[in-house]
Amino acid sequence: MKTASAVLAFAAALWACGCAPRAYTGRKLPADKVCLLEGGPNRVVSAVDGKHIASRCLFATGDEGVEALPGRHAVTYASTGSEEPFSLSFLCQPGHRYRLKAGELNAGLYGSRKVFMVEDAGTMEIVAAQK
């Protein structure tokens, strides 16, 4: 019984610590020194600057986001369904959180199409969008 309680306590501690994957090497940096890249509607961050991102979390869901160093990054978003992945390039600021959003682009007589954009969650500014 003590062993089961210890295992449950350890699992809870791992889950509570928060463990966003990192797109950089070395020691983990404080939140105000990195930017957080998040997926969006049926999309997760799958690569940053061409390097595949694998979660180090025991209970990863893909919703944790990815920590990256400030600067310009090409972020690849993979579908949780069957849609093709795509990349968007934008400048990340330290301490900011960037989330993927979806919108509709009206094409007049041709109807509309879904367009993905990256929004700075703090400023609500669109920093990148599909063409």
C-alpha atoms as a PDB file:
ATOM      1  CA  MET A   1       0.000   0.000   0.000  1.00  0.00           C
ATOM      2  CA  LYS A   2       2.882   2.371   0.818  1.00  0.00           C
ATOM      3  CA  THR A   3       4.462   1.635  -2.555  1.00  0.00           C
ATOM      4  CA  ALA A   4       1.266   2.479  -4.460  1.00  0.00           C
ATOM      5  CA  SER A   5       0.944   5.750  -2.542  1.00  0.00           C
ATOM      6  CA  ALA A   6       4.548   6.646  -3.314  1.00  0.00           C
ATOM      7  CA  VAL A   7       4.081   5.906  -7.024  1.00  0.00           C
ATOM      8  CA  LEU A   8       0.902   8.025  -7.128  1.00  0.00           C
ATOM      9  CA  ALA A   9       2.643  10.888  -5.320  1.00  0.00           C
ATOM     10  CA  PHE A  10       5.585  10.728  -7.735  1.00  0.00           C
ATOM     11  CA  ALA A  11       3.263  10.715 -10.779  1.00  0.00           C
ATOM     12  CA  ALA A  12       1.315  13.677  -9.392  1.00  0.00           C
ATOM     13  CA  ALA A  13       4.542  15.602  -8.811  1.00  0.00           C
ATOM     14  CA  LEU A  14       5.657  14.969 -12.402  1.00  0.00           C
ATOM     15  CA  TRP A  15       2.293  16.092 -13.761  1.00  0.00           C
ATOM     16  CA  ALA A  16       2.132  19.224 -11.592  1.00  0.00           C
ATOM     17  CA  CYS A  17       5.636  20.444 -12.421  1.00  0.00           C
ATOM     18  CA  GLY A  18       4.703  21.413 -15.969  1.00  0.00           C
ATOM     19  CA  CYS A  19       7.037  20.156 -18.594  1.00  0.00           C
ATOM     20  CA  ALA A  20       6.777  21.971 -21.898  1.00  0.00           C
ATOM     21  CA  PRO A  21       9.246  20.530 -24.380  1.00  0.00           C
ATOM     22  CA  ARG A  22      12.181  22.791 -25.244  1.00  0.00           C
ATOM     23  CA  ALA A  23      13.517  23.820 -28.650  1.00  0.00           C
ATOM     24  CA  TYR A  24      16.890  24.645 -27.113  1.00  0.00           C
ATOM     25  CA  THR A  25      19.604  22.715 -25.316  1.00  0.00           C
ATOM     26  CA  GLY A  26      21.105  23.255 -21.914  1.00  0.00           C
ATOM     27  CA  ARG A  27      19.458  23.985 -18.616  1.00  0.00           C
ATOM     28  CA  LYS A  28      15.843  25.074 -18.380  1.00  0.00           C
ATOM     29  CA  LEU A  29      15.507  28.850 -18.431  1.00  0.00           C
ATOM     30  CA  PRO A  30      12.936  30.940 -16.518  1.00  0.00           C
ATOM     31  CA  ALA A  31       9.677  31.800 -18.314  1.00  0.00           C
ATOM     32  CA  ASP A  32      10.697  35.445 -18.779  1.00  0.00           C
ATOM     33  CA  LYS A  33      13.781  34.370 -20.775  1.00  0.00           C
ATOM     34  CA  VAL A  34      11.983  32.125 -23.304  1.00  0.00           C
ATOM     35  CA  CYS A  35       8.926  32.325 -25.506  1.00  0.00           C
ATOM     36  CA  LEU A  36       6.160  29.717 -25.457  1.00  0.00           C
ATOM     37  CA  LEU A  37       4.901  28.387 -28.791  1.00  0.00           C
ATOM     38  CA  GLU A  38       1.456  26.789 -28.657  1.00  0.00           C
ATOM     39  CA  GLY A  39      -0.610  24.868 -31.166  1.00  0.00           C
ATOM     40  CA  GLY A  40      -4.218  25.634 -31.934  1.00  0.00           C
ATOM     41  CA  PRO A  41      -7.345  24.154 -33.474  1.00  0.00           C
ATOM     42  CA  ASN A  42      -6.429  20.503 -34.128  1.00  0.00           C
ATOM     43  CA  ARG A  43      -2.742  21.456 -34.507  1.00  0.00           C
ATOM     44  CA  VAL A  44       0.362  20.924 -32.375  1.00  0.00           C
ATOM     45  CA  VAL A  45       3.901  22.283 -32.677  1.00  0.00           C
ATOM     46  CA  SER A  46       5.859  19.460 -34.302  1.00  0.00           C
ATOM     47  CA  ALA A  47       9.152  21.171 -35.213  1.00  0.00           C
ATOM     48  CA  VAL A  48      11.049  24.395 -34.618  1.00  0.00           C
ATOM     49  CA  ASP A  49      13.649  25.463 -37.191  1.00  0.00           C
ATOM     50  CA  GLY A  50      13.421  22.023 -38.806  1.00  0.00           C
ATOM     51  CA  LYS A  51      14.138  20.087 -35.609  1.00  0.00           C
ATOM     52  CA  HIS A  52      11.432  17.658 -34.478  1.00  0.00           C
ATOM     53  CA  ILE A  53      10.039  18.372 -31.016  1.00  0.00           C
ATOM     54  CA  ALA A  54       9.480  15.401 -28.744  1.00  0.00           C
ATOM     55  CA  SER A  55       7.839  15.816 -25.376  1.00  0.00           C
ATOM     56  CA  ARG A  56       9.820  14.842 -22.291  1.00  0.00           C
ATOM     57  CA  CYS A  57       6.615  14.679 -20.266  1.00  0.00           C
ATOM     58  CA  LEU A  58       5.271  11.437 -18.900  1.00  0.00           C
ATOM     59  CA  PHE A  59       1.662  12.556 -19.432  1.00  0.00           C
ATOM     60  CA  ALA A  60       2.111  14.769 -22.514  1.00  0.00           C
ATOM     61  CA  THR A  61      -1.010  15.749 -24.428  1.00  0.00           C
ATOM     62  CA  GLY A  62       0.585  17.973 -27.069  1.00  0.00           C
ATOM     63  CA  ASP A  63      -1.131  21.024 -25.536  1.00  0.00           C
ATOM     64  CA  GLU A  64       1.841  21.995 -23.361  1.00  0.00           C
ATOM     65  CA  GLY A  65       3.416  24.256 -25.953  1.00  0.00           C
ATOM     66  CA  VAL A  66       7.117  24.404 -26.725  1.00  0.00           C
ATOM     67  CA  GLU A  67       9.668  26.687 -25.090  1.00  0.00           C
ATOM     68  CA  ALA A  68      12.062  28.443 -27.492  1.00  0.00           C
ATOM     69  CA  LEU A  69      14.790  31.030 -27.177  1.00  0.00           C
ATOM     70  CA  PRO A  70      13.868  34.543 -28.341  1.00  0.00           C
ATOM     71  CA  GLY A  71      14.493  35.282 -32.002  1.00  0.00           C
ATOM     72  CA  ARG A  72      13.099  34.376 -35.415  1.00  0.00           C
ATOM     73  CA  HIS A  73      11.871  30.798 -35.734  1.00  0.00           C
ATOM     74  CA  ALA A  74      10.201  28.689 -38.397  1.00  0.00           C
ATOM     75  CA  VAL A  75       7.538  26.748 -36.493  1.00  0.00           C
ATOM     76  CA  THR A  76       5.918  23.665 -38.052  1.00  0.00           C
ATOM     77  CA  TYR A  77       2.385  22.827 -37.003  1.00  0.00           C
ATOM     78  CA  ALA A  78       1.196  19.242 -37.520  1.00  0.00           C
ATOM     79  CA  SER A  79      -2.434  18.227 -37.718  1.00  0.00           C
ATOM     80  CA  THR A  80      -3.975  15.970 -35.112  1.00  0.00           C
ATOM     81  CA  GLY A  81      -6.093  14.716 -38.035  1.00  0.00           C
ATOM     82  CA  SER A  82      -5.148  14.090 -41.644  1.00  0.00           C
ATOM     83  CA  GLU A  83      -4.317  17.611 -42.896  1.00  0.00           C
ATOM     84  CA  GLU A  84      -0.847  18.472 -44.166  1.00  0.00           C
ATOM     85  CA  PRO A  85       1.616  20.189 -41.794  1.00  0.00           C
ATOM     86  CA  PHE A  86       2.685  23.764 -42.530  1.00  0.00           C
ATOM     87  CA  SER A  87       5.293  26.207 -41.221  1.00  0.00           C
ATOM     88  CA  LEU A  88       5.093  29.864 -40.252  1.00  0.00           C
ATOM     89  CA  SER A  89       8.094  32.064 -39.496  1.00  0.00           C
ATOM     90  CA  PHE A  90       7.958  34.835 -36.912  1.00  0.00           C
ATOM     91  CA  LEU A  91       9.979  36.736 -34.327  1.00  0.00           C
ATOM     92  CA  CYS A  92       9.562  35.522 -30.742  1.00  0.00           C
ATOM     93  CA  GLN A  93      10.022  37.891 -27.812  1.00  0.00           C
ATOM     94  CA  PRO A  94      11.155  36.692 -24.365  1.00  0.00           C
ATOM     95  CA  GLY A  95       8.323  36.143 -21.912  1.00  0.00           C
ATOM     96  CA  HIS A  96       5.668  36.088 -24.649  1.00  0.00           C
ATOM     97  CA  ARG A  97       3.239  33.297 -25.540  1.00  0.00           C
ATOM     98  CA  TYR A  98       2.325  32.650 -29.177  1.00  0.00           C
ATOM     99  CA  ARG A  99      -0.761  30.649 -30.085  1.00  0.00           C
ATOM    100  CA  LEU A 100      -2.065  29.372 -33.385  1.00  0.00           C
ATOM    101  CA  LYS A 101      -5.521  30.584 -34.411  1.00  0.00           C
ATOM    102  CA  ALA A 102      -7.750  29.722 -37.345  1.00  0.00           C
ATOM    103  CA  GLY A 103      -9.855  32.120 -39.396  1.00  0.00           C
ATOM    104  CA  GLU A 104     -11.806  32.241 -42.636  1.00  0.00           C
ATOM    105  CA  LEU A 105     -10.588  34.198 -45.637  1.00  0.00           C
ATOM    106  CA  ASN A 106     -13.411  35.290 -47.946  1.00  0.00           C
ATOM    107  CA  ALA A 107     -12.539  34.648 -51.583  1.00  0.00           C
ATOM    108  CA  GLY A 108     -15.682  36.242 -53.074  1.00  0.00           C
ATOM    109  CA  LEU A 109     -17.319  34.028 -55.684  1.00  0.00           C
ATOM    110  CA  TYR A 110     -14.895  31.237 -54.857  1.00  0.00           C
ATOM    111  CA  GLY A 111     -16.166  30.905 -51.295  1.00  0.00           C
ATOM    112  CA  SER A 112     -13.821  30.992 -48.350  1.00  0.00           C
ATOM    113  CA  ARG A 113     -10.867  29.049 -47.052  1.00  0.00           C
ATOM    114  CA  LYS A 114      -9.394  28.356 -43.645  1.00  0.00           C
ATOM    115  CA  VAL A 115      -6.294  30.380 -42.804  1.00  0.00           C
ATOM    116  CA  PHE A 116      -4.010  29.893 -39.807  1.00  0.00           C
ATOM    117  CA  MET A 117      -2.394  32.801 -37.956  1.00  0.00           C
ATOM    118  CA  VAL A 118      -0.049  33.120 -34.997  1.00  0.00           C
ATOM    119  CA  GLU A 119      -1.134  35.570 -32.304  1.00  0.00           C
ATOM    120  CA  ASP A 120       0.917  37.033 -29.469  1.00  0.00           C
ATOM    121  CA  ALA A 121      -1.354  36.142 -26.544  1.00  0.00           C
ATOM    122  CA  GLY A 122      -0.286  39.185 -24.532  1.00  0.00           C
ATOM    123  CA  THR A 123      -0.599  41.899 -27.152  1.00  0.00           C
ATOM    124  CA  MET A 124      -3.253  40.141 -29.330  1.00  0.00           C
ATOM    125  CA  GLU A 125      -1.100  41.085 -32.353  1.00  0.00           C
ATOM    126  CA  ILE A 126      -1.007  38.739 -35.360  1.00  0.00           C
ATOM    127  CA  VAL A 127       2.701  38.048 -35.936  1.00  0.00           C
ATOM    128  CA  ALA A 128       2.416  35.562 -38.817  1.00  0.00           C
ATOM    129  CA  ALA A 129      -0.250  34.242 -41.191  1.00  0.00           C
ATOM    130  CA  GLN A 130      -0.612  31.847 -44.096  1.00  0.00           C
ATOM    131  CA  LYS A 131      -0.716  33.436 -47.554  1.00  0.00           C
END
